[in-house]
Amino acid sequence: MNKIMNLPNTKIITFVAAIFFFIIGCSNNSNDNINENSGDSTVFNENQLKKLIYPIPTPLEISNMLNKAGANYILNISNKPENADKYFTEEAKALNLGVYGADISYSATYNKSQETLNFLVSTKKLREELEIQTSCNAGLSSRMERNIDNQDSVYFILTCAYKNTFEYLNDNNKGAISVLILAGGWIEGLFISTELAELTNKYQDIYQGIADQKETLNKLIPLMENYKGNQKVNEISTKLKDLKKIFDELIVIEGRAQLSKTSFVKIKKVIDPLRKSVIETY
């Protein structure tokens, strides 16, 4: 069973913000126009993409907040690194590249060096199989190994790698793959946060962090709709819309959504099978 030891009653949910920064935030400098033969001709410019991550803190801010919070790493919650060998379709590889990206961000935030390197191996395999070739990804493993004990350097290297990944995909008319990576990371981040909430009695800050993802989801879904000609994108988008219905029910107080226990249970019932379907290897 997963365990959290000595979990403080502070803003532990900030680790989820770190996940979203790396998985969604790295698209900041993507092409202004997203072109795909399938789907609508909707255009998302750079400013619109930036709104997808606002107001998520920077990696350094996340690091400082987590250190102050004194939060502990949750064991056995991430996708198994060895599962990367069992994804065969392009869509499954893209989704789980996002998942592993979230897992890397999570382990790196907690200075789990070996776990971070293990997830890095998995992402390297999936990037190569997806033929994602960028200058920043070249030599990524060796740079990470050399700097694994320097959290700021790790954040910088990861941010560069993901930013270049999204630029490459959009520049090469692979926008559907790009949004699947985004979705995979978002799903993993929400899954981790709901798991954490169930493993501690001090869950109010976590609930607020989950509720705050309402606006992120409201930006992610229309971005995916731009590639609705892709069957897997449609499938994931439909499930995200189920989550959106729950988020739309949340009471808003002073401009901020509030998550009740009832709504949390509803979200959990959707995110658990969705995440399971994403990481399944059969």
C-alpha atoms as a PDB file:
ATOM      1  CA  MET A   1       0.000   0.000   0.000  1.00  0.00           C
ATOM      2  CA  ASN A   2       1.179   3.524  -0.799  1.00  0.00           C
ATOM      3  CA  LYS A   3       2.195   5.470   2.282  1.00  0.00           C
ATOM      4  CA  ILE A   4       2.798   9.080   3.235  1.00  0.00           C
ATOM      5  CA  MET A   5       4.750   9.693   6.402  1.00  0.00           C
ATOM      6  CA  ASN A   6       4.566  12.895   8.460  1.00  0.00           C
ATOM      7  CA  LEU A   7       2.523  14.772   5.858  1.00  0.00           C
ATOM      8  CA  PRO A   8       2.230  18.408   6.952  1.00  0.00           C
ATOM      9  CA  ASN A   9      -0.906  20.536   6.858  1.00  0.00           C
ATOM     10  CA  THR A  10       0.546  22.964   4.328  1.00  0.00           C
ATOM     11  CA  LYS A  11       0.432  23.523   0.583  1.00  0.00           C
ATOM     12  CA  ILE A  12       1.532  20.035  -0.355  1.00  0.00           C
ATOM     13  CA  ILE A  13      -0.465  20.288  -3.574  1.00  0.00           C
ATOM     14  CA  THR A  14       2.318  22.433  -5.027  1.00  0.00           C
ATOM     15  CA  PHE A  15       3.993  19.311  -6.378  1.00  0.00           C
ATOM     16  CA  VAL A  16       1.027  18.975  -8.761  1.00  0.00           C
ATOM     17  CA  ALA A  17       1.740  22.493 -10.008  1.00  0.00           C
ATOM     18  CA  ALA A  18       5.282  21.368 -10.764  1.00  0.00           C
ATOM     19  CA  ILE A  19       3.911  18.519 -12.837  1.00  0.00           C
ATOM     20  CA  PHE A  20       1.675  20.852 -14.799  1.00  0.00           C
ATOM     21  CA  PHE A  21       4.524  23.302 -15.376  1.00  0.00           C
ATOM     22  CA  PHE A  22       6.712  20.671 -17.007  1.00  0.00           C
ATOM     23  CA  ILE A  23       3.976  18.971 -18.994  1.00  0.00           C
ATOM     24  CA  ILE A  24       1.878  21.953 -20.045  1.00  0.00           C
ATOM     25  CA  GLY A  25       4.118  24.928 -19.418  1.00  0.00           C
ATOM     26  CA  CYS A  26       6.827  23.791 -21.780  1.00  0.00           C
ATOM     27  CA  SER A  27       4.576  24.558 -24.732  1.00  0.00           C
ATOM     28  CA  ASN A  28       4.987  28.301 -24.174  1.00  0.00           C
ATOM     29  CA  ASN A  29       7.192  28.800 -27.215  1.00  0.00           C
ATOM     30  CA  SER A  30       5.402  26.442 -29.551  1.00  0.00           C
ATOM     31  CA  ASN A  31       4.481  27.555 -33.038  1.00  0.00           C
ATOM     32  CA  ASP A  32       1.908  30.345 -33.050  1.00  0.00           C
ATOM     33  CA  ASN A  33      -0.220  28.311 -35.433  1.00  0.00           C
ATOM     34  CA  ILE A  34      -1.073  24.657 -34.933  1.00  0.00           C
ATOM     35  CA  ASN A  35      -1.652  22.907 -38.224  1.00  0.00           C
ATOM     36  CA  GLU A  36      -3.209  19.488 -38.589  1.00  0.00           C
ATOM     37  CA  ASN A  37      -4.986  18.046 -41.594  1.00  0.00           C
ATOM     38  CA  SER A  38      -7.586  16.379 -39.373  1.00  0.00           C
ATOM     39  CA  GLY A  39      -9.889  18.475 -37.210  1.00  0.00           C
ATOM     40  CA  ASP A  40     -10.823  22.133 -37.082  1.00  0.00           C
ATOM     41  CA  SER A  41      -8.644  25.002 -38.213  1.00  0.00           C
ATOM     42  CA  THR A  42      -8.670  26.632 -34.762  1.00  0.00           C
ATOM     43  CA  VAL A  43      -5.544  28.679 -34.118  1.00  0.00           C
ATOM     44  CA  PHE A  44      -3.970  28.990 -30.675  1.00  0.00           C
ATOM     45  CA  ASN A  45      -1.414  31.775 -30.530  1.00  0.00           C
ATOM     46  CA  GLU A  46       1.430  32.036 -28.042  1.00  0.00           C
ATOM     47  CA  ASN A  47      -0.501  34.214 -25.599  1.00  0.00           C
ATOM     48  CA  GLN A  48      -3.387  31.742 -25.534  1.00  0.00           C
ATOM     49  CA  LEU A  49      -1.006  28.873 -24.819  1.00  0.00           C
ATOM     50  CA  LYS A  50       0.531  30.847 -21.972  1.00  0.00           C
ATOM     51  CA  LYS A  51      -2.906  31.149 -20.376  1.00  0.00           C
ATOM     52  CA  LEU A  52      -2.969  27.365 -20.132  1.00  0.00           C
ATOM     53  CA  ILE A  53      -0.427  27.439 -17.310  1.00  0.00           C
ATOM     54  CA  TYR A  54      -1.278  30.683 -15.518  1.00  0.00           C
ATOM     55  CA  PRO A  55      -0.828  31.123 -12.546  1.00  0.00           C
ATOM     56  CA  ILE A  56       1.354  28.037 -12.056  1.00  0.00           C
ATOM     57  CA  PRO A  57       4.597  28.782 -10.178  1.00  0.00           C
ATOM     58  CA  THR A  58       8.047  28.386 -11.687  1.00  0.00           C
ATOM     59  CA  PRO A  59      10.135  25.283 -10.861  1.00  0.00           C
ATOM     60  CA  LEU A  60      12.325  27.220  -8.425  1.00  0.00           C
ATOM     61  CA  GLU A  61       9.270  28.555  -6.613  1.00  0.00           C
ATOM     62  CA  ILE A  62       7.857  25.033  -6.462  1.00  0.00           C
ATOM     63  CA  SER A  63      11.128  23.750  -5.013  1.00  0.00           C
ATOM     64  CA  ASN A  64      11.161  26.392  -2.295  1.00  0.00           C
ATOM     65  CA  MET A  65       7.540  25.804  -1.348  1.00  0.00           C
ATOM     66  CA  LEU A  66       7.996  22.042  -1.174  1.00  0.00           C
ATOM     67  CA  ASN A  67      11.071  22.388   1.011  1.00  0.00           C
ATOM     68  CA  LYS A  68       9.120  24.590   3.396  1.00  0.00           C
ATOM     69  CA  ALA A  69       6.187  22.174   3.346  1.00  0.00           C
ATOM     70  CA  GLY A  70       8.390  19.224   4.243  1.00  0.00           C
ATOM     71  CA  ALA A  71       6.254  16.906   2.110  1.00  0.00           C
ATOM     72  CA  ASN A  72       7.302  13.308   1.582  1.00  0.00           C
ATOM     73  CA  TYR A  73       7.419  11.245  -1.588  1.00  0.00           C
ATOM     74  CA  ILE A  74       4.600   8.732  -2.154  1.00  0.00           C
ATOM     75  CA  LEU A  75       5.908   5.265  -2.883  1.00  0.00           C
ATOM     76  CA  ASN A  76       4.667   3.081  -5.751  1.00  0.00           C
ATOM     77  CA  ILE A  77       2.251   5.607  -7.191  1.00  0.00           C
ATOM     78  CA  SER A  78       3.855   6.439 -10.551  1.00  0.00           C
ATOM     79  CA  ASN A  79       3.715   4.399 -13.744  1.00  0.00           C
ATOM     80  CA  LYS A  80       6.282   1.603 -13.718  1.00  0.00           C
ATOM     81  CA  PRO A  81       9.344   2.574 -15.794  1.00  0.00           C
ATOM     82  CA  GLU A  82       9.476  -0.885 -17.386  1.00  0.00           C
ATOM     83  CA  ASN A  83       6.026  -0.379 -18.885  1.00  0.00           C
ATOM     84  CA  ALA A  84       7.622   1.837 -21.527  1.00  0.00           C
ATOM     85  CA  ASP A  85       8.660  -1.358 -23.333  1.00  0.00           C
ATOM     86  CA  LYS A  86       5.019  -2.389 -23.702  1.00  0.00           C
ATOM     87  CA  TYR A  87       3.508   0.572 -25.549  1.00  0.00           C
ATOM     88  CA  PHE A  88       3.219  -0.126 -29.250  1.00  0.00           C
ATOM     89  CA  THR A  89       0.922   2.457 -30.824  1.00  0.00           C
ATOM     90  CA  GLU A  90       1.979   6.031 -31.474  1.00  0.00           C
ATOM     91  CA  GLU A  91      -0.892   7.306 -29.342  1.00  0.00           C
ATOM     92  CA  ALA A  92      -0.032   5.088 -26.358  1.00  0.00           C
ATOM     93  CA  LYS A  93       3.585   6.183 -26.545  1.00  0.00           C
ATOM     94  CA  ALA A  94       2.568   9.858 -26.647  1.00  0.00           C
ATOM     95  CA  LEU A  95       0.174   9.585 -23.714  1.00  0.00           C
ATOM     96  CA  ASN A  96       2.736   7.800 -21.589  1.00  0.00           C
ATOM     97  CA  LEU A  97       5.518  10.162 -22.564  1.00  0.00           C
ATOM     98  CA  GLY A  98       3.300  12.711 -20.848  1.00  0.00           C
ATOM     99  CA  VAL A  99       2.698  10.384 -17.913  1.00  0.00           C
ATOM    100  CA  TYR A 100       6.405   9.730 -17.426  1.00  0.00           C
ATOM    101  CA  GLY A 101       7.112  13.426 -17.792  1.00  0.00           C
ATOM    102  CA  ALA A 102       4.787  14.034 -14.840  1.00  0.00           C
ATOM    103  CA  ASP A 103       6.463  11.226 -12.920  1.00  0.00           C
ATOM    104  CA  ILE A 104       9.908  12.711 -13.604  1.00  0.00           C
ATOM    105  CA  SER A 105       8.744  16.112 -12.374  1.00  0.00           C
ATOM    106  CA  TYR A 106       7.301  14.511  -9.271  1.00  0.00           C
ATOM    107  CA  SER A 107      10.406  12.486  -8.386  1.00  0.00           C
ATOM    108  CA  ALA A 108      12.780  15.353  -9.241  1.00  0.00           C
ATOM    109  CA  THR A 109      10.846  17.708  -6.973  1.00  0.00           C
ATOM    110  CA  TYR A 110      11.475  15.297  -4.120  1.00  0.00           C
ATOM    111  CA  ASN A 111      15.151  14.781  -5.037  1.00  0.00           C
ATOM    112  CA  LYS A 112      14.593  11.098  -5.762  1.00  0.00           C
ATOM    113  CA  SER A 113      17.648  10.694  -7.984  1.00  0.00           C
ATOM    114  CA  GLN A 114      17.345   7.030  -8.913  1.00  0.00           C
ATOM    115  CA  GLU A 115      13.620   7.238  -9.616  1.00  0.00           C
ATOM    116  CA  THR A 116      14.190  10.325 -11.752  1.00  0.00           C
ATOM    117  CA  LEU A 117      16.857   8.551 -13.801  1.00  0.00           C
ATOM    118  CA  ASN A 118      14.638   5.478 -14.203  1.00  0.00           C
ATOM    119  CA  PHE A 119      11.785   7.587 -15.562  1.00  0.00           C
ATOM    120  CA  LEU A 120      14.243   9.424 -17.778  1.00  0.00           C
ATOM    121  CA  VAL A 121      15.214   6.138 -19.429  1.00  0.00           C
ATOM    122  CA  SER A 122      11.541   5.475 -20.133  1.00  0.00           C
ATOM    123  CA  THR A 123      10.985   8.905 -21.682  1.00  0.00           C
ATOM    124  CA  LYS A 124      14.129   8.532 -23.790  1.00  0.00           C
ATOM    125  CA  LYS A 125      12.831   5.273 -25.218  1.00  0.00           C
ATOM    126  CA  LEU A 126       9.434   6.761 -26.056  1.00  0.00           C
ATOM    127  CA  ARG A 127      10.927   9.933 -27.565  1.00  0.00           C
ATOM    128  CA  GLU A 128      13.157   7.865 -29.815  1.00  0.00           C
ATOM    129  CA  GLU A 129      10.288   5.635 -30.917  1.00  0.00           C
ATOM    130  CA  LEU A 130       8.194   8.703 -31.664  1.00  0.00           C
ATOM    131  CA  GLU A 131      11.185  10.046 -33.638  1.00  0.00           C
ATOM    132  CA  ILE A 132      11.302  13.270 -31.660  1.00  0.00           C
ATOM    133  CA  GLN A 133      14.672  14.732 -32.571  1.00  0.00           C
ATOM    134  CA  THR A 134      15.661  17.981 -30.897  1.00  0.00           C
ATOM    135  CA  SER A 135      18.957  19.584 -29.985  1.00  0.00           C
ATOM    136  CA  CYS A 136      17.966  19.782 -26.317  1.00  0.00           C
ATOM    137  CA  ASN A 137      17.103  16.081 -26.145  1.00  0.00           C
ATOM    138  CA  ALA A 138      20.500  15.129 -27.548  1.00  0.00           C
ATOM    139  CA  GLY A 139      22.670  14.069 -24.635  1.00  0.00           C
ATOM    140  CA  LEU A 140      19.794  14.592 -22.211  1.00  0.00           C
ATOM    141  CA  SER A 141      20.535  11.441 -20.216  1.00  0.00           C
ATOM    142  CA  SER A 142      24.185  12.242 -19.665  1.00  0.00           C
ATOM    143  CA  ARG A 143      23.412  15.839 -18.633  1.00  0.00           C
ATOM    144  CA  MET A 144      20.798  14.628 -16.184  1.00  0.00           C
ATOM    145  CA  GLU A 145      23.189  12.093 -14.686  1.00  0.00           C
ATOM    146  CA  ARG A 146      25.875  14.724 -14.220  1.00  0.00           C
ATOM    147  CA  ASN A 147      23.470  17.156 -12.568  1.00  0.00           C
ATOM    148  CA  ILE A 148      21.084  14.794 -10.804  1.00  0.00           C
ATOM    149  CA  ASP A 149      21.952  16.152  -7.353  1.00  0.00           C
ATOM    150  CA  ASN A 150      21.442  19.764  -8.409  1.00  0.00           C
ATOM    151  CA  GLN A 151      17.698  20.378  -8.398  1.00  0.00           C
ATOM    152  CA  ASP A 152      17.869  23.740 -10.171  1.00  0.00           C
ATOM    153  CA  SER A 153      19.939  22.216 -12.988  1.00  0.00           C
ATOM    154  CA  VAL A 154      17.546  19.290 -13.293  1.00  0.00           C
ATOM    155  CA  TYR A 155      14.601  21.692 -13.599  1.00  0.00           C
ATOM    156  CA  PHE A 156      16.404  23.701 -16.267  1.00  0.00           C
ATOM    157  CA  ILE A 157      17.330  20.599 -18.295  1.00  0.00           C
ATOM    158  CA  LEU A 158      13.804  19.153 -18.116  1.00  0.00           C
ATOM    159  CA  THR A 159      12.181  22.457 -19.046  1.00  0.00           C
ATOM    160  CA  CYS A 160      14.443  22.784 -22.071  1.00  0.00           C
ATOM    161  CA  ALA A 161      13.745  19.204 -23.159  1.00  0.00           C
ATOM    162  CA  TYR A 162       9.978  19.493 -22.986  1.00  0.00           C
ATOM    163  CA  LYS A 163       9.862  22.923 -24.581  1.00  0.00           C
ATOM    164  CA  ASN A 164      11.870  21.631 -27.519  1.00  0.00           C
ATOM    165  CA  THR A 165       9.723  18.511 -27.738  1.00  0.00           C
ATOM    166  CA  PHE A 166       6.534  20.515 -28.195  1.00  0.00           C
ATOM    167  CA  GLU A 167       8.177  22.912 -30.630  1.00  0.00           C
ATOM    168  CA  TYR A 168       9.402  19.975 -32.698  1.00  0.00           C
ATOM    169  CA  LEU A 169       6.024  18.235 -32.768  1.00  0.00           C
ATOM    170  CA  ASN A 170       4.102  21.345 -33.766  1.00  0.00           C
ATOM    171  CA  ASP A 171       6.718  22.356 -36.332  1.00  0.00           C
ATOM    172  CA  ASN A 172       6.391  18.908 -37.908  1.00  0.00           C
ATOM    173  CA  ASN A 173       2.578  18.810 -38.069  1.00  0.00           C
ATOM    174  CA  LYS A 174       2.281  16.361 -35.186  1.00  0.00           C
ATOM    175  CA  GLY A 175      -0.038  18.458 -33.070  1.00  0.00           C
ATOM    176  CA  ALA A 176      -2.239  15.492 -32.167  1.00  0.00           C
ATOM    177  CA  ILE A 177       0.758  13.754 -30.605  1.00  0.00           C
ATOM    178  CA  SER A 178       1.629  16.954 -28.764  1.00  0.00           C
ATOM    179  CA  VAL A 179      -1.811  17.296 -27.153  1.00  0.00           C
ATOM    180  CA  LEU A 180      -1.826  13.616 -26.191  1.00  0.00           C
ATOM    181  CA  ILE A 181       1.428  14.209 -24.328  1.00  0.00           C
ATOM    182  CA  LEU A 182      -0.177  17.191 -22.592  1.00  0.00           C
ATOM    183  CA  ALA A 183      -3.243  15.135 -21.699  1.00  0.00           C
ATOM    184  CA  GLY A 184      -1.172  12.235 -20.393  1.00  0.00           C
ATOM    185  CA  GLY A 185       0.731  14.546 -18.071  1.00  0.00           C
ATOM    186  CA  TRP A 186      -2.422  16.277 -16.854  1.00  0.00           C
ATOM    187  CA  ILE A 187      -4.143  12.972 -16.161  1.00  0.00           C
ATOM    188  CA  GLU A 188      -1.156  11.647 -14.220  1.00  0.00           C
ATOM    189  CA  GLY A 189      -0.933  14.846 -12.202  1.00  0.00           C
ATOM    190  CA  LEU A 190      -4.596  14.725 -11.245  1.00  0.00           C
ATOM    191  CA  PHE A 191      -4.349  11.018 -10.437  1.00  0.00           C
ATOM    192  CA  ILE A 192      -1.367  11.563  -8.142  1.00  0.00           C
ATOM    193  CA  SER A 193      -3.110  14.426  -6.358  1.00  0.00           C
ATOM    194  CA  THR A 194      -6.283  12.419  -5.734  1.00  0.00           C
ATOM    195  CA  GLU A 195      -4.240   9.486  -4.452  1.00  0.00           C
ATOM    196  CA  LEU A 196      -2.394  11.807  -2.094  1.00  0.00           C
ATOM    197  CA  ALA A 197      -5.669  13.256  -0.832  1.00  0.00           C
ATOM    198  CA  GLU A 198      -6.909   9.794   0.111  1.00  0.00           C
ATOM    199  CA  LEU A 199      -3.742   8.913   1.983  1.00  0.00           C
ATOM    200  CA  THR A 200      -3.858  11.696   4.542  1.00  0.00           C
ATOM    201  CA  ASN A 201      -6.402  13.266   6.870  1.00  0.00           C
ATOM    202  CA  LYS A 202      -4.888  16.683   6.116  1.00  0.00           C
ATOM    203  CA  TYR A 203      -6.387  17.000   2.674  1.00  0.00           C
ATOM    204  CA  GLN A 204      -7.903  20.496   2.470  1.00  0.00           C
ATOM    205  CA  ASP A 205      -4.937  22.081   0.674  1.00  0.00           C
ATOM    206  CA  ILE A 206      -4.921  19.166  -1.746  1.00  0.00           C
ATOM    207  CA  TYR A 207      -8.640  19.613  -2.400  1.00  0.00           C
ATOM    208  CA  GLN A 208      -8.024  23.262  -3.226  1.00  0.00           C
ATOM    209  CA  GLY A 209      -5.211  22.342  -5.586  1.00  0.00           C
ATOM    210  CA  ILE A 210      -7.496  19.903  -7.391  1.00  0.00           C
ATOM    211  CA  ALA A 211     -10.276  22.492  -7.610  1.00  0.00           C
ATOM    212  CA  ASP A 212      -7.832  24.998  -9.092  1.00  0.00           C
ATOM    213  CA  GLN A 213      -7.310  22.676 -12.059  1.00  0.00           C
ATOM    214  CA  LYS A 214     -10.773  23.590 -13.318  1.00  0.00           C
ATOM    215  CA  GLU A 215      -9.348  26.451 -15.369  1.00  0.00           C
ATOM    216  CA  THR A 216      -6.471  24.367 -16.703  1.00  0.00           C
ATOM    217  CA  LEU A 217      -8.940  21.740 -17.892  1.00  0.00           C
ATOM    218  CA  ASN A 218     -11.057  24.444 -19.505  1.00  0.00           C
ATOM    219  CA  LYS A 219      -8.048  25.326 -21.691  1.00  0.00           C
ATOM    220  CA  LEU A 220      -6.817  21.800 -22.347  1.00  0.00           C
ATOM    221  CA  ILE A 221     -10.103  20.478 -23.764  1.00  0.00           C
ATOM    222  CA  PRO A 222     -10.456  23.080 -26.552  1.00  0.00           C
ATOM    223  CA  LEU A 223      -6.804  22.552 -27.431  1.00  0.00           C
ATOM    224  CA  MET A 224      -7.528  18.846 -27.907  1.00  0.00           C
ATOM    225  CA  GLU A 225     -10.671  19.629 -29.890  1.00  0.00           C
ATOM    226  CA  ASN A 226      -8.407  21.091 -32.554  1.00  0.00           C
ATOM    227  CA  TYR A 227      -7.360  17.504 -33.346  1.00  0.00           C
ATOM    228  CA  LYS A 228     -10.692  15.750 -33.072  1.00  0.00           C
ATOM    229  CA  GLY A 229      -9.968  13.861 -36.292  1.00  0.00           C
ATOM    230  CA  ASN A 230      -7.667  11.619 -34.259  1.00  0.00           C
ATOM    231  CA  GLN A 231      -9.609   8.753 -32.651  1.00  0.00           C
ATOM    232  CA  LYS A 232      -7.482   8.578 -29.491  1.00  0.00           C
ATOM    233  CA  VAL A 233      -7.637  12.340 -29.019  1.00  0.00           C
ATOM    234  CA  ASN A 234     -11.426  12.103 -29.286  1.00  0.00           C
ATOM    235  CA  GLU A 235     -11.523   9.266 -26.783  1.00  0.00           C
ATOM    236  CA  ILE A 236      -9.427  11.100 -24.187  1.00  0.00           C
ATOM    237  CA  SER A 237     -11.220  14.384 -24.809  1.00  0.00           C
ATOM    238  CA  THR A 238     -14.583  12.706 -24.141  1.00  0.00           C
ATOM    239  CA  LYS A 239     -13.351  11.474 -20.753  1.00  0.00           C
ATOM    240  CA  LEU A 240     -11.948  14.893 -19.932  1.00  0.00           C
ATOM    241  CA  LYS A 241     -15.356  16.362 -20.709  1.00  0.00           C
ATOM    242  CA  ASP A 242     -16.843  13.984 -18.138  1.00  0.00           C
ATOM    243  CA  LEU A 243     -14.422  15.484 -15.631  1.00  0.00           C
ATOM    244  CA  LYS A 244     -15.303  18.987 -16.798  1.00  0.00           C
ATOM    245  CA  LYS A 245     -18.966  18.384 -15.940  1.00  0.00           C
ATOM    246  CA  ILE A 246     -17.930  17.640 -12.363  1.00  0.00           C
ATOM    247  CA  PHE A 247     -15.624  20.641 -12.161  1.00  0.00           C
ATOM    248  CA  ASP A 248     -18.417  22.844 -13.529  1.00  0.00           C
ATOM    249  CA  GLU A 249     -20.587  21.826 -10.562  1.00  0.00           C
ATOM    250  CA  LEU A 250     -18.093  23.214  -8.049  1.00  0.00           C
ATOM    251  CA  ILE A 251     -19.179  26.161  -5.958  1.00  0.00           C
ATOM    252  CA  VAL A 252     -17.090  29.275  -6.625  1.00  0.00           C
ATOM    253  CA  ILE A 253     -16.267  31.526  -3.686  1.00  0.00           C
ATOM    254  CA  GLU A 254     -14.479  34.814  -4.318  1.00  0.00           C
ATOM    255  CA  GLY A 255     -13.525  33.673  -7.796  1.00  0.00           C
ATOM    256  CA  ARG A 256     -12.061  30.356  -6.689  1.00  0.00           C
ATOM    257  CA  ALA A 257     -13.638  26.917  -7.152  1.00  0.00           C
ATOM    258  CA  GLN A 258     -14.163  24.852  -4.004  1.00  0.00           C
ATOM    259  CA  LEU A 259     -14.013  21.058  -3.912  1.00  0.00           C
ATOM    260  CA  SER A 260     -16.371  19.122  -1.658  1.00  0.00           C
ATOM    261  CA  LYS A 261     -15.957  15.520  -0.568  1.00  0.00           C
ATOM    262  CA  THR A 262     -18.871  14.549  -2.823  1.00  0.00           C
ATOM    263  CA  SER A 263     -17.259  16.152  -5.884  1.00  0.00           C
ATOM    264  CA  PHE A 264     -13.904  14.614  -4.986  1.00  0.00           C
ATOM    265  CA  VAL A 265     -15.463  11.151  -5.006  1.00  0.00           C
ATOM    266  CA  LYS A 266     -17.016  11.867  -8.418  1.00  0.00           C
ATOM    267  CA  ILE A 267     -13.652  12.997  -9.815  1.00  0.00           C
ATOM    268  CA  LYS A 268     -11.947   9.933  -8.381  1.00  0.00           C
ATOM    269  CA  LYS A 269     -14.457   7.651 -10.094  1.00  0.00           C
ATOM    270  CA  VAL A 270     -13.539   9.169 -13.465  1.00  0.00           C
ATOM    271  CA  ILE A 271      -9.791   9.736 -13.123  1.00  0.00           C
ATOM    272  CA  ASP A 272      -8.958   6.270 -11.775  1.00  0.00           C
ATOM    273  CA  PRO A 273     -10.249   4.254 -14.760  1.00  0.00           C
ATOM    274  CA  LEU A 274      -9.052   6.938 -17.191  1.00  0.00           C
ATOM    275  CA  ARG A 275      -5.517   6.821 -15.844  1.00  0.00           C
ATOM    276  CA  LYS A 276      -5.638   3.012 -15.809  1.00  0.00           C
ATOM    277  CA  SER A 277      -6.661   2.968 -19.464  1.00  0.00           C
ATOM    278  CA  VAL A 278      -3.780   5.306 -20.340  1.00  0.00           C
ATOM    279  CA  ILE A 279      -1.033   3.226 -18.705  1.00  0.00           C
ATOM    280  CA  GLU A 280      -2.430  -0.216 -19.621  1.00  0.00           C
ATOM    281  CA  THR A 281       0.060  -2.310 -21.554  1.00  0.00           C
ATOM    282  CA  TYR A 282      -2.093  -4.987 -23.185  1.00  0.00           C
END
